[in-house]
C-alpha atoms as a PDB file:
ATOM      1  CA  MET A   1     131.460 -48.631 214.330  1.00  0.00           C
ATOM      2  CA  LYS A   2     128.848 -46.532 212.516  1.00  0.00           C
ATOM      3  CA  ARG A   3     127.104 -43.754 214.416  1.00  0.00           C
ATOM      4  CA  TYR A   4     123.423 -43.278 213.648  1.00  0.00           C
ATOM      5  CA  VAL A   5     121.312 -40.164 214.036  1.00  0.00           C
ATOM      6  CA  PRO A   6     117.566 -40.577 214.700  1.00  0.00           C
ATOM      7  CA  PHE A   7     115.192 -38.610 212.443  1.00  0.00           C
ATOM      8  CA  ARG A   8     111.549 -38.094 213.295  1.00  0.00           C
ATOM      9  CA  ILE A   9     108.591 -37.137 211.069  1.00  0.00           C
ATOM     10  CA  GLY A  10     105.588 -36.863 213.385  1.00  0.00           C
ATOM     11  CA  ASN A  11     105.444 -40.206 215.194  1.00  0.00           C
ATOM     12  CA  ILE A  12     107.671 -41.889 212.588  1.00  0.00           C
ATOM     13  CA  SER A  13     111.358 -42.322 213.376  1.00  0.00           C
ATOM     14  CA  PHE A  14     114.203 -43.797 211.347  1.00  0.00           C
ATOM     15  CA  LEU A  15     117.989 -43.838 211.492  1.00  0.00           C
ATOM     16  CA  MET A  16     120.642 -42.437 209.186  1.00  0.00           C
ATOM     17  CA  ASN A  17     124.379 -42.625 209.749  1.00  0.00           C
ATOM     18  CA  TYR A  18     126.661 -39.627 209.344  1.00  0.00           C
ATOM     19  CA  ARG A  19     127.929 -40.871 205.989  1.00  0.00           C
ATOM     20  CA  SER A  20     124.367 -41.026 204.644  1.00  0.00           C
ATOM     21  CA  ILE A  21     123.637 -37.524 205.945  1.00  0.00           C
ATOM     22  CA  ALA A  22     126.748 -36.233 204.165  1.00  0.00           C
ATOM     23  CA  TYR A  23     125.648 -37.850 200.900  1.00  0.00           C
ATOM     24  CA  VAL A  24     122.124 -36.430 201.238  1.00  0.00           C
ATOM     25  CA  ILE A  25     123.524 -32.918 201.787  1.00  0.00           C
ATOM     26  CA  GLY A  26     125.925 -33.362 198.851  1.00  0.00           C
ATOM     27  CA  LEU A  27     123.142 -34.595 196.552  1.00  0.00           C
ATOM     28  CA  VAL A  28     120.867 -31.723 197.586  1.00  0.00           C
ATOM     29  CA  LEU A  29     123.631 -29.276 196.623  1.00  0.00           C
ATOM     30  CA  LEU A  30     124.210 -31.139 193.340  1.00  0.00           C
ATOM     31  CA  THR A  31     120.466 -30.987 192.613  1.00  0.00           C
ATOM     32  CA  ILE A  32     120.410 -27.220 193.215  1.00  0.00           C
ATOM     33  CA  ILE A  33     123.425 -26.754 190.909  1.00  0.00           C
ATOM     34  CA  LEU A  34     121.800 -28.839 188.160  1.00  0.00           C
ATOM     35  CA  ILE A  35     118.547 -26.897 188.513  1.00  0.00           C
ATOM     36  CA  ILE A  36     120.371 -23.557 188.172  1.00  0.00           C
ATOM     37  CA  LEU A  37     122.339 -24.809 185.147  1.00  0.00           C
ATOM     38  CA  SER A  38     119.210 -26.203 183.493  1.00  0.00           C
ATOM     39  CA  LEU A  39     117.307 -22.954 184.085  1.00  0.00           C
ATOM     40  CA  GLY A  40     120.122 -20.911 182.578  1.00  0.00           C
ATOM     41  CA  ILE A  41     121.185 -22.936 179.540  1.00  0.00           C
ATOM     42  CA  GLY A  42     119.199 -22.832 176.294  1.00  0.00           C
ATOM     43  CA  GLN A  43     118.628 -20.640 173.259  1.00  0.00           C
ATOM     44  CA  LEU A  44     118.450 -17.717 175.669  1.00  0.00           C
ATOM     45  CA  LYS A  45     121.418 -18.068 178.034  1.00  0.00           C
ATOM     46  CA  VAL A  46     120.938 -16.706 181.534  1.00  0.00           C
ATOM     47  CA  SER A  47     123.807 -16.381 184.014  1.00  0.00           C
ATOM     48  CA  PRO A  48     123.525 -18.253 187.357  1.00  0.00           C
ATOM     49  CA  LEU A  49     123.076 -14.976 189.287  1.00  0.00           C
ATOM     50  CA  GLU A  50     120.342 -13.876 186.898  1.00  0.00           C
ATOM     51  CA  VAL A  51     118.690 -17.278 187.274  1.00  0.00           C
ATOM     52  CA  VAL A  52     118.594 -16.942 191.071  1.00  0.00           C
ATOM     53  CA  ARG A  53     117.260 -13.398 190.729  1.00  0.00           C
ATOM     54  CA  ALA A  54     114.616 -14.524 188.210  1.00  0.00           C
ATOM     55  CA  VAL A  55     113.426 -17.341 190.486  1.00  0.00           C
ATOM     56  CA  PHE A  56     112.603 -14.927 193.309  1.00  0.00           C
ATOM     57  CA  ASP A  57     111.607 -11.922 191.184  1.00  0.00           C
ATOM     58  CA  SER A  58     108.040 -11.371 189.965  1.00  0.00           C
ATOM     59  CA  SER A  59     108.816  -8.795 187.272  1.00  0.00           C
ATOM     60  CA  SER A  60     107.902  -9.438 183.635  1.00  0.00           C
ATOM     61  CA  ASP A  61     111.237  -9.046 181.819  1.00  0.00           C
ATOM     62  CA  MET A  62     112.444 -11.666 179.334  1.00  0.00           C
ATOM     63  CA  ASN A  63     114.705 -13.585 181.738  1.00  0.00           C
ATOM     64  CA  ASN A  64     111.939 -13.948 184.298  1.00  0.00           C
ATOM     65  CA  LEU A  65     109.456 -15.061 181.657  1.00  0.00           C
ATOM     66  CA  VAL A  66     111.774 -17.732 180.254  1.00  0.00           C
ATOM     67  CA  VAL A  67     112.947 -19.014 183.651  1.00  0.00           C
ATOM     68  CA  GLN A  68     109.653 -18.971 185.534  1.00  0.00           C
ATOM     69  CA  SER A  69     107.133 -19.806 182.815  1.00  0.00           C
ATOM     70  CA  PHE A  70     109.001 -22.164 180.490  1.00  0.00           C
ATOM     71  CA  ARG A  71     112.053 -23.746 182.119  1.00  0.00           C
ATOM     72  CA  MET A  72     111.199 -24.035 185.795  1.00  0.00           C
ATOM     73  CA  PRO A  73     108.058 -26.215 185.382  1.00  0.00           C
ATOM     74  CA  ARG A  74     110.040 -28.499 183.089  1.00  0.00           C
ATOM     75  CA  VAL A  75     112.973 -28.804 185.508  1.00  0.00           C
ATOM     76  CA  LEU A  76     110.730 -29.429 188.533  1.00  0.00           C
ATOM     77  CA  MET A  77     108.762 -32.040 186.594  1.00  0.00           C
ATOM     78  CA  ALA A  78     112.032 -33.782 185.701  1.00  0.00           C
ATOM     79  CA  LEU A  79     113.071 -33.687 189.372  1.00  0.00           C
ATOM     80  CA  PHE A  80     109.879 -35.189 190.801  1.00  0.00           C
ATOM     81  CA  ALA A  81     109.306 -37.667 187.962  1.00  0.00           C
ATOM     82  CA  GLY A  82     112.864 -38.969 188.313  1.00  0.00           C
ATOM     83  CA  ALA A  83     112.521 -39.152 192.101  1.00  0.00           C
ATOM     84  CA  GLY A  84     109.214 -41.026 191.855  1.00  0.00           C
ATOM     85  CA  LEU A  85     110.577 -43.612 189.423  1.00  0.00           C
ATOM     86  CA  ALA A  86     113.755 -44.067 191.487  1.00  0.00           C
ATOM     87  CA  VAL A  87     111.921 -44.645 194.771  1.00  0.00           C
ATOM     88  CA  SER A  88     109.469 -46.982 193.036  1.00  0.00           C
ATOM     89  CA  GLY A  89     112.412 -49.049 191.762  1.00  0.00           C
ATOM     90  CA  ALA A  90     114.065 -49.053 195.203  1.00  0.00           C
ATOM     91  CA  ILE A  91     110.885 -50.436 196.790  1.00  0.00           C
ATOM     92  CA  LEU A  92     110.570 -53.194 194.195  1.00  0.00           C
ATOM     93  CA  GLN A  93     114.231 -54.200 194.435  1.00  0.00           C
ATOM     94  CA  GLY A  94     114.030 -54.366 198.225  1.00  0.00           C
ATOM     95  CA  MET A  95     110.748 -56.237 198.377  1.00  0.00           C
ATOM     96  CA  ILE A  96     111.498 -58.700 195.569  1.00  0.00           C
ATOM     97  CA  ARG A  97     115.200 -58.966 196.511  1.00  0.00           C
ATOM     98  CA  ASN A  98     116.095 -58.800 192.846  1.00  0.00           C
ATOM     99  CA  PRO A  99     118.500 -56.118 191.538  1.00  0.00           C
ATOM    100  CA  LEU A 100     116.834 -56.196 188.108  1.00  0.00           C
ATOM    101  CA  ALA A 101     113.367 -55.212 189.350  1.00  0.00           C
ATOM    102  CA  SER A 102     112.031 -51.820 188.259  1.00  0.00           C
ATOM    103  CA  PRO A 103     108.673 -50.298 187.213  1.00  0.00           C
ATOM    104  CA  ASP A 104     109.416 -50.654 183.494  1.00  0.00           C
ATOM    105  CA  ILE A 105     110.656 -54.251 183.794  1.00  0.00           C
ATOM    106  CA  ILE A 106     107.511 -55.571 185.534  1.00  0.00           C
ATOM    107  CA  GLY A 107     105.057 -53.707 183.323  1.00  0.00           C
ATOM    108  CA  ILE A 108     103.886 -50.702 185.369  1.00  0.00           C
ATOM    109  CA  THR A 109     105.079 -48.117 182.837  1.00  0.00           C
ATOM    110  CA  GLY A 110     103.854 -50.379 180.023  1.00  0.00           C
ATOM    111  CA  GLY A 111     100.366 -50.340 181.529  1.00  0.00           C
ATOM    112  CA  ALA A 112     100.424 -46.549 181.653  1.00  0.00           C
ATOM    113  CA  ALA A 113     101.553 -46.444 178.007  1.00  0.00           C
ATOM    114  CA  PHE A 114      98.722 -48.778 176.967  1.00  0.00           C
ATOM    115  CA  ALA A 115      96.163 -46.564 178.727  1.00  0.00           C
ATOM    116  CA  THR A 116      97.615 -43.450 177.088  1.00  0.00           C
ATOM    117  CA  VAL A 117      97.541 -44.856 173.557  1.00  0.00           C
ATOM    118  CA  GLY A 118      94.044 -46.227 174.157  1.00  0.00           C
ATOM    119  CA  PHE A 119      92.912 -42.803 175.378  1.00  0.00           C
ATOM    120  CA  LEU A 120      94.292 -41.042 172.283  1.00  0.00           C
ATOM    121  CA  ALA A 121      92.781 -43.606 169.906  1.00  0.00           C
ATOM    122  CA  PHE A 122      89.391 -44.036 171.590  1.00  0.00           C
ATOM    123  CA  PHE A 123      88.681 -40.323 172.064  1.00  0.00           C
ATOM    124  CA  SER A 124      89.756 -39.244 168.550  1.00  0.00           C
ATOM    125  CA  ASP A 125      87.169 -38.509 165.865  1.00  0.00           C
ATOM    126  CA  ARG A 126      87.480 -38.954 162.106  1.00  0.00           C
ATOM    127  CA  SER A 127      89.197 -35.580 161.739  1.00  0.00           C
ATOM    128  CA  ASN A 128      91.950 -36.738 164.118  1.00  0.00           C
ATOM    129  CA  THR A 129      90.954 -34.317 166.890  1.00  0.00           C
ATOM    130  CA  LEU A 130      90.320 -35.285 170.493  1.00  0.00           C
ATOM    131  CA  THR A 131      86.688 -35.243 171.632  1.00  0.00           C
ATOM    132  CA  VAL A 132      87.668 -34.707 175.294  1.00  0.00           C
ATOM    133  CA  SER A 133      90.226 -32.448 176.983  1.00  0.00           C
ATOM    134  CA  ILE A 134      93.868 -33.537 176.842  1.00  0.00           C
ATOM    135  CA  GLN A 135      93.967 -32.689 180.572  1.00  0.00           C
ATOM    136  CA  TRP A 136      92.405 -36.129 181.211  1.00  0.00           C
ATOM    137  CA  LEU A 137      95.431 -37.910 179.716  1.00  0.00           C
ATOM    138  CA  PRO A 138      97.550 -37.999 182.933  1.00  0.00           C
ATOM    139  CA  LEU A 139      94.600 -39.514 184.826  1.00  0.00           C
ATOM    140  CA  ALA A 140      94.219 -42.212 182.157  1.00  0.00           C
ATOM    141  CA  SER A 141      97.915 -43.133 182.300  1.00  0.00           C
ATOM    142  CA  PHE A 142      97.895 -43.159 186.125  1.00  0.00           C
ATOM    143  CA  ILE A 143      94.901 -45.522 186.132  1.00  0.00           C
ATOM    144  CA  GLY A 144      96.682 -47.724 183.568  1.00  0.00           C
ATOM    145  CA  ALA A 145      99.748 -47.985 185.821  1.00  0.00           C
ATOM    146  CA  ILE A 146      97.683 -48.756 188.926  1.00  0.00           C
ATOM    147  CA  VAL A 147      95.520 -51.371 187.183  1.00  0.00           C
ATOM    148  CA  THR A 148      98.574 -53.099 185.698  1.00  0.00           C
ATOM    149  CA  GLY A 149     100.351 -53.125 189.067  1.00  0.00           C
ATOM    150  CA  PHE A 150      97.384 -54.781 190.773  1.00  0.00           C
ATOM    151  CA  LEU A 151      96.922 -57.180 187.845  1.00  0.00           C
ATOM    152  CA  VAL A 152     100.526 -58.353 188.240  1.00  0.00           C
ATOM    153  CA  TYR A 153     100.010 -58.708 191.993  1.00  0.00           C
ATOM    154  CA  PHE A 154      96.835 -60.791 191.738  1.00  0.00           C
ATOM    155  CA  LEU A 155      98.147 -62.987 188.913  1.00  0.00           C
ATOM    156  CA  ALA A 156     101.226 -63.681 191.044  1.00  0.00           C
ATOM    157  CA  TRP A 157      99.060 -64.633 194.039  1.00  0.00           C
ATOM    158  CA  LYS A 158      99.002 -68.259 195.072  1.00  0.00           C
ATOM    159  CA  LYS A 159      97.626 -69.940 198.148  1.00  0.00           C
ATOM    160  CA  GLY A 160      99.678 -68.575 201.001  1.00  0.00           C
ATOM    161  CA  GLY A 161     100.654 -65.335 199.275  1.00  0.00           C
ATOM    162  CA  ILE A 162     103.007 -64.154 196.530  1.00  0.00           C
ATOM    163  CA  LYS A 163     106.586 -65.198 195.893  1.00  0.00           C
ATOM    164  CA  PRO A 164     109.059 -62.523 194.705  1.00  0.00           C
ATOM    165  CA  ILE A 165     110.370 -64.564 191.742  1.00  0.00           C
ATOM    166  CA  ARG A 166     106.808 -65.342 190.606  1.00  0.00           C
ATOM    167  CA  LEU A 167     105.960 -61.640 190.796  1.00  0.00           C
ATOM    168  CA  VAL A 168     108.910 -60.772 188.531  1.00  0.00           C
ATOM    169  CA  LEU A 169     108.074 -63.460 185.952  1.00  0.00           C
ATOM    170  CA  ILE A 170     104.382 -62.513 185.873  1.00  0.00           C
ATOM    171  CA  GLY A 171     105.380 -58.851 185.556  1.00  0.00           C
ATOM    172  CA  ILE A 172     107.640 -59.540 182.583  1.00  0.00           C
ATOM    173  CA  GLY A 173     104.833 -61.482 180.890  1.00  0.00           C
ATOM    174  CA  VAL A 174     102.254 -58.743 181.527  1.00  0.00           C
ATOM    175  CA  SER A 175     104.748 -56.124 180.289  1.00  0.00           C
ATOM    176  CA  ALA A 176     105.198 -58.029 177.006  1.00  0.00           C
ATOM    177  CA  ALA A 177     101.421 -58.374 176.619  1.00  0.00           C
ATOM    178  CA  VAL A 178     100.606 -54.677 177.157  1.00  0.00           C
ATOM    179  CA  GLN A 179     103.435 -53.661 174.816  1.00  0.00           C
ATOM    180  CA  ALA A 180     101.929 -55.884 172.116  1.00  0.00           C
ATOM    181  CA  PHE A 181      98.457 -54.369 172.618  1.00  0.00           C
ATOM    182  CA  THR A 182      99.949 -50.867 172.632  1.00  0.00           C
ATOM    183  CA  THR A 183     101.717 -51.496 169.331  1.00  0.00           C
ATOM    184  CA  MET A 184      98.525 -52.928 167.812  1.00  0.00           C
ATOM    185  CA  ILE A 185      96.509 -49.833 168.771  1.00  0.00           C
ATOM    186  CA  MET A 186      99.209 -47.569 167.331  1.00  0.00           C
ATOM    187  CA  ILE A 187      99.177 -49.494 164.029  1.00  0.00           C
ATOM    188  CA  LEU A 188      95.395 -49.654 163.698  1.00  0.00           C
ATOM    189  CA  GLY A 189      94.661 -46.172 165.042  1.00  0.00           C
ATOM    190  CA  PRO A 190      95.042 -42.744 163.389  1.00  0.00           C
ATOM    191  CA  ILE A 191      98.569 -41.817 162.327  1.00  0.00           C
ATOM    192  CA  PHE A 192      98.622 -38.760 164.601  1.00  0.00           C
ATOM    193  CA  THR A 193      97.889 -41.066 167.554  1.00  0.00           C
ATOM    194  CA  ALA A 194     100.997 -43.106 166.792  1.00  0.00           C
ATOM    195  CA  SER A 195     103.308 -40.095 166.479  1.00  0.00           C
ATOM    196  CA  ARG A 196     101.890 -38.367 169.540  1.00  0.00           C
ATOM    197  CA  ALA A 197     101.908 -41.508 171.688  1.00  0.00           C
ATOM    198  CA  ASN A 198     105.410 -42.497 170.616  1.00  0.00           C
ATOM    199  CA  ILE A 199     106.922 -39.334 172.097  1.00  0.00           C
ATOM    200  CA  TRP A 200     104.998 -39.880 175.333  1.00  0.00           C
ATOM    201  CA  ILE A 201     105.952 -43.573 175.573  1.00  0.00           C
ATOM    202  CA  THR A 202     109.631 -42.655 175.134  1.00  0.00           C
ATOM    203  CA  GLY A 203     109.381 -40.156 177.982  1.00  0.00           C
ATOM    204  CA  SER A 204     109.538 -36.372 177.786  1.00  0.00           C
ATOM    205  CA  VAL A 205     109.093 -33.407 180.134  1.00  0.00           C
ATOM    206  CA  ASN A 206     108.718 -30.956 177.240  1.00  0.00           C
ATOM    207  CA  GLY A 207     105.542 -28.929 177.646  1.00  0.00           C
ATOM    208  CA  ALA A 208     105.300 -29.365 181.422  1.00  0.00           C
ATOM    209  CA  ASN A 209     103.320 -26.543 183.053  1.00  0.00           C
ATOM    210  CA  TRP A 210     102.729 -25.219 186.548  1.00  0.00           C
ATOM    211  CA  SER A 211      99.340 -26.922 186.810  1.00  0.00           C
ATOM    212  CA  GLU A 212     100.962 -30.323 186.342  1.00  0.00           C
ATOM    213  CA  VAL A 213     103.808 -29.468 188.721  1.00  0.00           C
ATOM    214  CA  TRP A 214     101.397 -28.428 191.490  1.00  0.00           C
ATOM    215  CA  THR A 215      99.524 -31.697 190.924  1.00  0.00           C
ATOM    216  CA  ILE A 216     102.524 -34.041 191.163  1.00  0.00           C
ATOM    217  CA  ILE A 217     104.217 -32.354 194.171  1.00  0.00           C
ATOM    218  CA  PRO A 218     101.566 -33.004 196.876  1.00  0.00           C
ATOM    219  CA  TRP A 219     100.992 -36.570 195.660  1.00  0.00           C
ATOM    220  CA  PHE A 220     104.730 -37.259 195.711  1.00  0.00           C
ATOM    221  CA  PHE A 221     105.218 -36.003 199.276  1.00  0.00           C
ATOM    222  CA  LEU A 222     102.070 -37.751 200.521  1.00  0.00           C
ATOM    223  CA  LEU A 223     103.260 -41.107 199.144  1.00  0.00           C
ATOM    224  CA  MET A 224     106.775 -40.529 200.519  1.00  0.00           C
ATOM    225  CA  ALA A 225     105.349 -39.794 203.983  1.00  0.00           C
ATOM    226  CA  ILE A 226     103.368 -43.047 203.906  1.00  0.00           C
ATOM    227  CA  LEU A 227     106.445 -44.897 202.657  1.00  0.00           C
ATOM    228  CA  PHE A 228     108.535 -43.765 205.637  1.00  0.00           C
ATOM    229  CA  VAL A 229     105.978 -45.505 207.865  1.00  0.00           C
ATOM    230  CA  TYR A 230     106.922 -48.733 206.076  1.00  0.00           C
ATOM    231  CA  VAL A 231     110.703 -48.224 205.931  1.00  0.00           C
ATOM    232  CA  ARG A 232     111.423 -50.660 208.755  1.00  0.00           C
ATOM    233  CA  ARG A 233     109.087 -53.248 207.259  1.00  0.00           C
ATOM    234  CA  LEU A 234     110.819 -52.862 203.911  1.00  0.00           C
ATOM    235  CA  ASN A 235     114.147 -53.538 205.639  1.00  0.00           C
ATOM    236  CA  VAL A 236     112.640 -56.706 207.156  1.00  0.00           C
ATOM    237  CA  GLN A 237     111.379 -57.830 203.717  1.00  0.00           C
ATOM    238  CA  GLU A 238     114.984 -57.995 202.495  1.00  0.00           C
ATOM    239  CA  LEU A 239     115.762 -60.674 205.102  1.00  0.00           C
ATOM    240  CA  GLY A 240     113.595 -63.245 203.327  1.00  0.00           C
ATOM    241  CA  GLU A 241     110.226 -64.744 204.201  1.00  0.00           C
ATOM    242  CA  ASP A 242     111.301 -66.991 207.076  1.00  0.00           C
ATOM    243  CA  LEU A 243     113.297 -64.381 208.963  1.00  0.00           C
ATOM    244  CA  ALA A 244     110.677 -61.698 208.263  1.00  0.00           C
ATOM    245  CA  ALA A 245     107.923 -63.939 209.643  1.00  0.00           C
ATOM    246  CA  ASN A 246     110.012 -64.754 212.713  1.00  0.00           C
ATOM    247  CA  ALA A 247     110.534 -61.028 213.260  1.00  0.00           C
ATOM    248  CA  GLY A 248     106.750 -60.603 213.471  1.00  0.00           C
ATOM    249  CA  SER A 249     106.222 -59.060 210.034  1.00  0.00           C
ATOM    250  CA  LEU A 250     102.851 -59.515 208.322  1.00  0.00           C
ATOM    251  CA  ILE A 251     104.552 -60.370 205.048  1.00  0.00           C
ATOM    252  CA  GLN A 252     101.657 -60.462 202.583  1.00  0.00           C
ATOM    253  CA  ARG A 253      99.949 -57.347 203.951  1.00  0.00           C
ATOM    254  CA  ASP A 254     103.228 -55.432 203.878  1.00  0.00           C
ATOM    255  CA  ARG A 255     103.938 -56.595 200.314  1.00  0.00           C
ATOM    256  CA  PHE A 256     100.520 -55.429 199.181  1.00  0.00           C
ATOM    257  CA  MET A 257     101.071 -51.973 200.699  1.00  0.00           C
ATOM    258  CA  LEU A 258     104.600 -51.706 199.287  1.00  0.00           C
ATOM    259  CA  ILE A 259     103.446 -52.678 195.793  1.00  0.00           C
ATOM    260  CA  THR A 260     100.638 -50.120 196.066  1.00  0.00           C
ATOM    261  CA  LEU A 261     103.144 -47.395 197.026  1.00  0.00           C
ATOM    262  CA  SER A 262     105.608 -48.417 194.312  1.00  0.00           C
ATOM    263  CA  THR A 263     102.901 -48.498 191.643  1.00  0.00           C
ATOM    264  CA  SER A 264     101.482 -45.140 192.759  1.00  0.00           C
ATOM    265  CA  LEU A 265     104.898 -43.415 192.715  1.00  0.00           C
ATOM    266  CA  ALA A 266     105.643 -44.795 189.243  1.00  0.00           C
ATOM    267  CA  GLY A 267     102.107 -43.944 188.138  1.00  0.00           C
ATOM    268  CA  ILE A 268     102.289 -40.244 189.027  1.00  0.00           C
ATOM    269  CA  ALA A 269     105.722 -39.972 187.381  1.00  0.00           C
ATOM    270  CA  VAL A 270     104.665 -41.697 184.164  1.00  0.00           C
ATOM    271  CA  ALA A 271     101.343 -39.829 184.094  1.00  0.00           C
ATOM    272  CA  PHE A 272     103.077 -36.472 183.619  1.00  0.00           C
ATOM    273  CA  ALA A 273     106.500 -37.324 182.157  1.00  0.00           C
ATOM    274  CA  GLY A 274     105.824 -40.473 180.133  1.00  0.00           C
ATOM    275  CA  GLY A 275     107.738 -43.718 180.218  1.00  0.00           C
ATOM    276  CA  ILE A 276     111.243 -42.487 181.045  1.00  0.00           C
ATOM    277  CA  GLY A 277     113.163 -45.750 180.923  1.00  0.00           C
ATOM    278  CA  PHE A 278     115.667 -47.326 183.328  1.00  0.00           C
ATOM    279  CA  VAL A 279     115.660 -44.564 185.969  1.00  0.00           C
ATOM    280  CA  GLY A 280     113.952 -46.937 188.393  1.00  0.00           C
ATOM    281  CA  LEU A 281     116.701 -49.471 187.700  1.00  0.00           C
ATOM    282  CA  MET A 282     119.817 -47.269 187.752  1.00  0.00           C
ATOM    283  CA  ALA A 283     119.126 -44.810 190.573  1.00  0.00           C
ATOM    284  CA  PRO A 284     118.588 -47.354 193.408  1.00  0.00           C
ATOM    285  CA  HIS A 285     121.797 -49.177 192.403  1.00  0.00           C
ATOM    286  CA  MET A 286     123.795 -45.953 192.472  1.00  0.00           C
ATOM    287  CA  ALA A 287     122.249 -45.005 195.810  1.00  0.00           C
ATOM    288  CA  ARG A 288     122.994 -48.437 197.276  1.00  0.00           C
ATOM    289  CA  ARG A 289     126.663 -48.060 196.343  1.00  0.00           C
ATOM    290  CA  LEU A 290     126.737 -44.748 198.201  1.00  0.00           C
ATOM    291  CA  VAL A 291     124.833 -45.488 201.424  1.00  0.00           C
ATOM    292  CA  GLY A 292     124.265 -49.244 201.585  1.00  0.00           C
ATOM    293  CA  SER A 293     120.969 -51.122 201.729  1.00  0.00           C
ATOM    294  CA  SER A 294     119.290 -49.594 204.810  1.00  0.00           C
ATOM    295  CA  PHE A 295     116.114 -48.056 203.422  1.00  0.00           C
ATOM    296  CA  GLY A 296     116.080 -45.183 205.916  1.00  0.00           C
ATOM    297  CA  SER A 297     119.052 -43.837 203.938  1.00  0.00           C
ATOM    298  CA  LEU A 298     118.434 -45.522 200.590  1.00  0.00           C
ATOM    299  CA  ILE A 299     114.991 -44.004 199.912  1.00  0.00           C
ATOM    300  CA  PRO A 300     115.938 -40.285 200.115  1.00  0.00           C
ATOM    301  CA  VAL A 301     119.269 -40.855 198.339  1.00  0.00           C
ATOM    302  CA  SER A 302     117.526 -42.808 195.550  1.00  0.00           C
ATOM    303  CA  ALA A 303     115.027 -39.976 195.119  1.00  0.00           C
ATOM    304  CA  LEU A 304     117.797 -37.384 194.825  1.00  0.00           C
ATOM    305  CA  VAL A 305     119.863 -39.544 192.439  1.00  0.00           C
ATOM    306  CA  GLY A 306     116.814 -40.210 190.243  1.00  0.00           C
ATOM    307  CA  GLY A 307     115.945 -36.521 190.111  1.00  0.00           C
ATOM    308  CA  CYS A 308     119.535 -35.596 189.205  1.00  0.00           C
ATOM    309  CA  ILE A 309     119.636 -38.227 186.447  1.00  0.00           C
ATOM    310  CA  VAL A 310     116.485 -36.937 184.743  1.00  0.00           C
ATOM    311  CA  ILE A 311     117.394 -33.246 185.118  1.00  0.00           C
ATOM    312  CA  ALA A 312     120.870 -33.856 183.667  1.00  0.00           C
ATOM    313  CA  ALA A 313     119.533 -36.087 180.877  1.00  0.00           C
ATOM    314  CA  ASP A 314     116.892 -33.504 179.933  1.00  0.00           C
ATOM    315  CA  LEU A 315     119.484 -30.717 179.899  1.00  0.00           C
ATOM    316  CA  ILE A 316     121.714 -32.712 177.543  1.00  0.00           C
ATOM    317  CA  ALA A 317     118.791 -33.888 175.397  1.00  0.00           C
ATOM    318  CA  ARG A 318     117.518 -30.367 174.699  1.00  0.00           C
ATOM    319  CA  THR A 319     120.889 -28.626 174.238  1.00  0.00           C
ATOM    320  CA  ALA A 320     123.371 -31.130 172.759  1.00  0.00           C
ATOM    321  CA  PHE A 321     121.348 -31.669 169.583  1.00  0.00           C
ATOM    322  CA  ALA A 322     119.958 -28.136 169.131  1.00  0.00           C
ATOM    323  CA  PRO A 323     117.907 -27.041 167.271  1.00  0.00           C
ATOM    324  CA  LEU A 324     116.487 -30.573 167.506  1.00  0.00           C
ATOM    325  CA  GLU A 325     115.140 -31.653 170.879  1.00  0.00           C
ATOM    326  CA  VAL A 326     115.495 -35.312 171.841  1.00  0.00           C
ATOM    327  CA  PRO A 327     113.010 -36.803 174.354  1.00  0.00           C
ATOM    328  CA  VAL A 328     114.713 -37.353 177.705  1.00  0.00           C
ATOM    329  CA  GLY A 329     113.701 -41.035 177.684  1.00  0.00           C
ATOM    330  CA  VAL A 330     115.922 -41.663 174.658  1.00  0.00           C
ATOM    331  CA  LEU A 331     118.975 -40.559 176.614  1.00  0.00           C
ATOM    332  CA  THR A 332     118.132 -42.449 179.817  1.00  0.00           C
ATOM    333  CA  SER A 333     117.464 -45.609 177.790  1.00  0.00           C
ATOM    334  CA  ALA A 334     120.744 -45.225 175.899  1.00  0.00           C
ATOM    335  CA  ILE A 335     122.542 -45.185 179.256  1.00  0.00           C
ATOM    336  CA  GLY A 336     120.264 -47.627 181.053  1.00  0.00           C
ATOM    337  CA  ALA A 337     120.231 -50.472 178.511  1.00  0.00           C
ATOM    338  CA  PRO A 338     124.003 -51.116 178.733  1.00  0.00           C
ATOM    339  CA  TYR A 339     123.744 -50.780 182.515  1.00  0.00           C
ATOM    340  CA  PHE A 340     120.999 -53.436 182.545  1.00  0.00           C
ATOM    341  CA  ILE A 341     123.187 -55.771 180.466  1.00  0.00           C
ATOM    342  CA  TYR A 342     126.046 -55.145 182.909  1.00  0.00           C
ATOM    343  CA  LEU A 343     123.818 -56.100 185.853  1.00  0.00           C
ATOM    344  CA  LEU A 344     122.690 -59.248 184.048  1.00  0.00           C
ATOM    345  CA  TYR A 345     126.313 -60.210 183.416  1.00  0.00           C
ATOM    346  CA  LYS A 346     127.344 -59.413 186.980  1.00  0.00           C
ATOM    347  CA  SER A 347     124.568 -61.564 188.473  1.00  0.00           C
ATOM    348  CA  ARG A 348     124.948 -64.467 186.002  1.00  0.00           C
ATOM    349  CA  ASN A 349     126.204 -66.885 188.675  1.00  0.00           C
ATOM    350  CA  GLN A 350     123.690 -65.902 191.369  1.00  0.00           C
END
């Protein structure tokens, strides 16, 4: 018999069993270790003790400059972008009841990519320079993700609401369409647009700064707080429409809110880190193997697993091929594509 411990955030309460708590603590420790390693490894190697000292020290020596100004924003961006994509995928998989659902599969990241390429092409002059500040690019990609998410939702709507399988099929179709339009803009637009957009579409946390980090953190925690209000309703969604309706769930309203939260979490991640592929697919599966399918445990564990995946992938991508630096999305896709094929094969008879 499993023992559960109640957790409370304000007026919101949810349950986690002791096994889930142990995994959360273990993943938090693993995340801290990965952060310290990532802050210390590079062209300038810094020992773990020096890393810890540099994090809490405000002096201006070389170690502090490298750790605080260059590496820490990048590592924190990888953490929160990976967590956002992972939680977004967990919501979609629970709501749709399909293990293959993720933000990149149903077109959310594709919509952000289309908006980004359109922004770079539309606001470039004949000399291939942007006519507006590049600081507007994350907002454009976030709007692209949100608009695509709602487009998929409304196209999947039929009288009586949306069906999960219809949502997936519509999402795959919309994803293919926005990818085609994105490719067309890259071909017809300036050459610098194509090269610049291609790195962003692949997914990279290179160049992350403190301004971007302090923008993504409050949005991430705000969306997570709202999500914990809906954790029980997300658990009910996994029971299927009939049982959820009998349990008193307002199915269509809850689905709309869950899609909004999923799209927003993916949107803020993609807005600052680009289209890092397959994190939203892999992390929830790994978390489900650890703590089961109860979303009170699955959501925080998915966030931690997603953050660890992106931090580790970025560390390998920038050090294993030095002096070249590979975008982190290349590495996650190289791992995620075979994993996706494995899931397809495993569910072939379902």
